[in-house]
C-alpha atoms as a PDB file:
ATOM      1  CA  MET A   1       7.042-201.281 -14.300  1.00  0.00           C
ATOM      2  CA  GLN A   2       4.440-198.916 -13.128  1.00  0.00           C
ATOM      3  CA  LEU A   3       4.343-196.778  -9.640  1.00  0.00           C
ATOM      4  CA  SER A   4       1.695-197.068  -7.198  1.00  0.00           C
ATOM      5  CA  LYS A   5       0.230-194.081  -6.096  1.00  0.00           C
ATOM      6  CA  ARG A   6       1.575-193.508  -3.189  1.00  0.00           C
ATOM      7  CA  THR A   7       5.220-193.036  -5.098  1.00  0.00           C
ATOM      8  CA  GLN A   8       3.881-190.978  -7.489  1.00  0.00           C
ATOM      9  CA  TYR A   9       2.352-188.827  -4.721  1.00  0.00           C
ATOM     10  CA  GLY A  10       5.384-188.833  -2.663  1.00  0.00           C
ATOM     11  CA  ILE A  11       7.961-187.970  -5.386  1.00  0.00           C
ATOM     12  CA  ARG A  12       5.372-184.878  -6.447  1.00  0.00           C
ATOM     13  CA  ALA A  13       5.663-183.842  -2.953  1.00  0.00           C
ATOM     14  CA  LEU A  14       9.440-184.445  -2.519  1.00  0.00           C
ATOM     15  CA  ILE A  15       9.484-182.242  -6.069  1.00  0.00           C
ATOM     16  CA  CYS A  16       7.959-179.388  -4.438  1.00  0.00           C
ATOM     17  CA  LEU A  17       9.866-179.700  -0.943  1.00  0.00           C
ATOM     18  CA  SER A  18      13.269-179.941  -3.340  1.00  0.00           C
ATOM     19  CA  GLU A  19      11.747-176.157  -5.334  1.00  0.00           C
ATOM     20  CA  SER A  20      11.737-174.952  -1.922  1.00  0.00           C
ATOM     21  CA  TYR A  21      14.661-176.113  -0.283  1.00  0.00           C
ATOM     22  CA  SER A  22      15.980-172.737   0.560  1.00  0.00           C
ATOM     23  CA  ARG A  23      12.827-171.851   2.054  1.00  0.00           C
ATOM     24  CA  GLY A  24      12.744-174.031   4.634  1.00  0.00           C
ATOM     25  CA  TYR A  25       9.338-176.059   5.564  1.00  0.00           C
ATOM     26  CA  LEU A  26       6.247-176.146   3.527  1.00  0.00           C
ATOM     27  CA  GLN A  27       2.954-177.082   5.276  1.00  0.00           C
ATOM     28  CA  THR A  28       0.873-180.213   3.840  1.00  0.00           C
ATOM     29  CA  ARG A  29      -1.996-178.421   2.822  1.00  0.00           C
ATOM     30  CA  GLU A  30       0.478-175.951   0.817  1.00  0.00           C
ATOM     31  CA  ILE A  31       2.196-178.971  -0.895  1.00  0.00           C
ATOM     32  CA  ALA A  32      -1.294-180.270  -0.846  1.00  0.00           C
ATOM     33  CA  SER A  33      -2.700-177.530  -3.362  1.00  0.00           C
ATOM     34  CA  ARG A  34       0.096-177.220  -5.515  1.00  0.00           C
ATOM     35  CA  GLU A  35       0.104-180.591  -6.825  1.00  0.00           C
ATOM     36  CA  ALA A  36      -3.195-181.931  -5.757  1.00  0.00           C
ATOM     37  CA  ILE A  37      -2.991-184.368  -3.739  1.00  0.00           C
ATOM     38  CA  PRO A  38      -5.642-185.325  -1.226  1.00  0.00           C
ATOM     39  CA  SER A  39      -4.111-184.212   2.417  1.00  0.00           C
ATOM     40  CA  LYS A  40      -4.762-186.815   4.442  1.00  0.00           C
ATOM     41  CA  PHE A  41      -3.003-189.038   1.838  1.00  0.00           C
ATOM     42  CA  LEU A  42      -0.342-187.111   1.593  1.00  0.00           C
ATOM     43  CA  GLU A  43      -0.035-186.525   5.443  1.00  0.00           C
ATOM     44  CA  SER A  44       0.379-190.575   5.561  1.00  0.00           C
ATOM     45  CA  ILE A  45       3.375-190.433   3.021  1.00  0.00           C
ATOM     46  CA  LEU A  46       4.678-187.479   4.425  1.00  0.00           C
ATOM     47  CA  SER A  47       4.867-189.399   7.400  1.00  0.00           C
ATOM     48  CA  ALA A  48       6.378-192.363   5.872  1.00  0.00           C
ATOM     49  CA  LEU A  49       9.066-190.420   3.992  1.00  0.00           C
ATOM     50  CA  ALA A  50       9.675-188.250   7.910  1.00  0.00           C
ATOM     51  CA  ARG A  51       9.978-192.086   9.417  1.00  0.00           C
ATOM     52  CA  GLY A  52      12.583-193.062   6.494  1.00  0.00           C
ATOM     53  CA  LYS A  53      14.955-190.125   7.247  1.00  0.00           C
ATOM     54  CA  PHE A  54      13.846-188.245   4.015  1.00  0.00           C
ATOM     55  CA  LEU A  55      12.212-185.787   5.299  1.00  0.00           C
ATOM     56  CA  ILE A  56      12.423-183.369   9.172  1.00  0.00           C
ATOM     57  CA  SER A  57       9.196-182.459  10.351  1.00  0.00           C
ATOM     58  CA  LYS A  58       8.141-179.634  12.389  1.00  0.00           C
ATOM     59  CA  ILE A  59       5.316-178.735  14.337  1.00  0.00           C
ATOM     60  CA  GLY A  60       3.518-175.222  14.849  1.00  0.00           C
ATOM     61  CA  ALA A  61       2.654-172.538  12.926  1.00  0.00           C
ATOM     62  CA  MET A  62       6.058-172.102  11.278  1.00  0.00           C
ATOM     63  CA  GLY A  63       6.319-175.963  11.009  1.00  0.00           C
ATOM     64  CA  GLY A  64       5.654-178.283   8.237  1.00  0.00           C
ATOM     65  CA  TYR A  65       8.364-180.818   6.099  1.00  0.00           C
ATOM     66  CA  ARG A  66      11.709-180.249   4.807  1.00  0.00           C
ATOM     67  CA  LEU A  67      14.022-182.213   3.150  1.00  0.00           C
ATOM     68  CA  ALA A  68      16.290-183.818   5.806  1.00  0.00           C
ATOM     69  CA  GLN A  69      19.274-183.153   3.428  1.00  0.00           C
ATOM     70  CA  PRO A  70      19.882-181.502   0.008  1.00  0.00           C
ATOM     71  CA  PRO A  71      18.233-182.771  -3.111  1.00  0.00           C
ATOM     72  CA  ARG A  72      21.400-183.941  -4.893  1.00  0.00           C
ATOM     73  CA  GLU A  73      21.909-186.181  -1.563  1.00  0.00           C
ATOM     74  CA  ILE A  74      18.305-187.754  -2.064  1.00  0.00           C
ATOM     75  CA  GLN A  75      18.849-191.107  -4.405  1.00  0.00           C
ATOM     76  CA  ILE A  76      14.992-191.721  -6.413  1.00  0.00           C
ATOM     77  CA  GLY A  77      15.645-195.320  -5.758  1.00  0.00           C
ATOM     78  CA  ASP A  78      15.870-195.362  -2.301  1.00  0.00           C
ATOM     79  CA  VAL A  79      12.265-192.851  -2.233  1.00  0.00           C
ATOM     80  CA  ILE A  80      10.662-195.334  -4.274  1.00  0.00           C
ATOM     81  CA  ALA A  81      11.821-198.696  -2.266  1.00  0.00           C
ATOM     82  CA  ARG A  82      10.684-196.684   0.706  1.00  0.00           C
ATOM     83  CA  LEU A  83       7.192-195.616  -0.410  1.00  0.00           C
ATOM     84  CA  GLU A  84       6.531-199.097  -2.621  1.00  0.00           C
ATOM     85  CA  GLY A  85       7.628-201.209   0.183  1.00  0.00           C
ATOM     86  CA  LYS A  86       9.204-203.787  -2.089  1.00  0.00           C
ATOM     87  CA  LYS A  87      12.028-204.136  -4.470  1.00  0.00           C
ATOM     88  CA  LEU A  88      11.433-202.976  -7.776  1.00  0.00           C
ATOM     89  CA  THR A  89      14.231-204.782  -9.547  1.00  0.00           C
ATOM     90  CA  GLN A  90      13.845-208.445  -9.925  1.00  0.00           C
ATOM     91  CA  GLU A  91      16.308-210.583  -8.348  1.00  0.00           C
ATOM     92  CA  ASP A  92      18.772-212.776 -10.419  1.00  0.00           C
ATOM     93  CA  ILE A  93      17.505-215.875 -11.211  1.00  0.00           C
ATOM     94  CA  SER A  94      20.049-218.431 -11.831  1.00  0.00           C
ATOM     95  CA  PRO A  95      19.722-219.714 -15.310  1.00  0.00           C
ATOM     96  CA  GLN A  96      18.126-223.289 -15.551  1.00  0.00           C
ATOM     97  CA  ASP A  97      19.381-225.916 -18.402  1.00  0.00           C
ATOM     98  CA  ASP A  98      16.377-227.020 -19.644  1.00  0.00           C
ATOM     99  CA  LEU A  99      15.055-223.522 -20.984  1.00  0.00           C
ATOM    100  CA  LYS A 100      13.608-223.400 -24.075  1.00  0.00           C
ATOM    101  CA  PRO A 101      15.388-221.164 -26.427  1.00  0.00           C
ATOM    102  CA  GLY A 102      12.469-218.157 -26.074  1.00  0.00           C
ATOM    103  CA  GLU A 103      12.248-218.848 -22.405  1.00  0.00           C
ATOM    104  CA  MET A 104      15.843-217.895 -22.045  1.00  0.00           C
ATOM    105  CA  ALA A 105      15.595-214.993 -24.163  1.00  0.00           C
ATOM    106  CA  VAL A 106      12.819-213.554 -22.276  1.00  0.00           C
ATOM    107  CA  GLN A 107      14.704-214.370 -19.028  1.00  0.00           C
ATOM    108  CA  ILE A 108      17.810-212.716 -20.426  1.00  0.00           C
ATOM    109  CA  LEU A 109      15.667-209.849 -21.342  1.00  0.00           C
ATOM    110  CA  GLN A 110      14.047-209.228 -17.403  1.00  0.00           C
ATOM    111  CA  HIS A 111      17.767-209.470 -16.465  1.00  0.00           C
ATOM    112  CA  GLN A 112      19.255-206.524 -18.932  1.00  0.00           C
ATOM    113  CA  LEU A 113      15.655-204.967 -18.147  1.00  0.00           C
ATOM    114  CA  SER A 114      16.266-205.165 -14.179  1.00  0.00           C
ATOM    115  CA  LEU A 115      19.966-204.004 -14.381  1.00  0.00           C
ATOM    116  CA  SER A 116      18.964-201.012 -16.204  1.00  0.00           C
ATOM    117  CA  LEU A 117      16.378-200.234 -14.100  1.00  0.00           C
ATOM    118  CA  ALA A 118      18.373-200.932 -10.996  1.00  0.00           C
ATOM    119  CA  ASP A 119      21.084-198.462 -12.201  1.00  0.00           C
ATOM    120  CA  ILE A 120      18.521-195.575 -13.187  1.00  0.00           C
ATOM    121  CA  LEU A 121      17.428-195.664  -9.925  1.00  0.00           C
ATOM    122  CA  ALA A 122      20.361-195.889  -8.139  1.00  0.00           C
ATOM    123  CA  THR A 123      22.205-193.220  -9.941  1.00  0.00           C
ATOM    124  CA  THR A 124      18.600-190.660 -10.143  1.00  0.00           C
ATOM    125  CA  THR A 125      18.641-188.086  -7.462  1.00  0.00           C
ATOM    126  CA  LEU A 126      16.475-185.893  -6.478  1.00  0.00           C
ATOM    127  CA  ALA A 127      18.105-182.963  -7.431  1.00  0.00           C
ATOM    128  CA  ALA A 128      18.997-184.407 -11.218  1.00  0.00           C
ATOM    129  CA  LEU A 129      15.123-184.803 -11.505  1.00  0.00           C
ATOM    130  CA  VAL A 130      13.934-181.370 -10.438  1.00  0.00           C
ATOM    131  CA  GLU A 131      16.397-180.175 -13.230  1.00  0.00           C
ATOM    132  CA  GLN A 132      14.849-182.614 -15.809  1.00  0.00           C
ATOM    133  CA  VAL A 133      11.595-181.024 -14.832  1.00  0.00           C
ATOM    134  CA  SER A 134      12.719-177.792 -14.943  1.00  0.00           C
ATOM    135  CA  GLN A 135      14.442-177.977 -18.620  1.00  0.00           C
ATOM    136  CA  LYS A 136      10.936-179.793 -19.810  1.00  0.00           C
ATOM    137  CA  SER A 137       8.803-176.983 -18.410  1.00  0.00           C
ATOM    138  CA  ARG A 138      11.250-174.443 -20.121  1.00  0.00           C
ATOM    139  CA  GLY A 139      10.305-176.349 -23.363  1.00  0.00           C
ATOM    140  CA  GLY A 140      13.957-177.882 -23.055  1.00  0.00           C
ATOM    141  CA  GLN A 141      15.766-174.190 -23.582  1.00  0.00           C
ATOM    142  CA  MET A 142      18.614-172.899 -21.581  1.00  0.00           C
ATOM    143  CA  TYR A 143      18.563-169.665 -20.656  1.00  0.00           C
ATOM    144  CA  TYR A 144      22.188-168.075 -19.310  1.00  0.00           C
ATOM    145  CA  ILE A 145      22.833-165.115 -17.639  1.00  0.00           C
END
């Protein structure tokens, strides 16, 4: 599975907004600068996420975008569905009687992959993704205070 640039940029922007969740609004140009995303394209993506109720926008000098909910309440699968505009997981295909064994094996494998993908998308929150990014950026080391 390959995510479109639109979805990749959208997730990158949401990670940025998640990390700044307690600070409030971020302007498009700040997100674009942090993540090296073209501003015009990012504005279109953020607008789509706002229409999808993932973001709140505010006009003005102190405005910008912020998450509409805490990161732990935003499912990555919902974000991807909004930005991709299509379902990423394959619909259940009813088994055909006249399949060759190899064809049936491929169909079984595709079904299992679709179920696994659907499970990951349904259970991964934005907060969990931010935590994974944080752990990787620290080299996998946990620090306790």
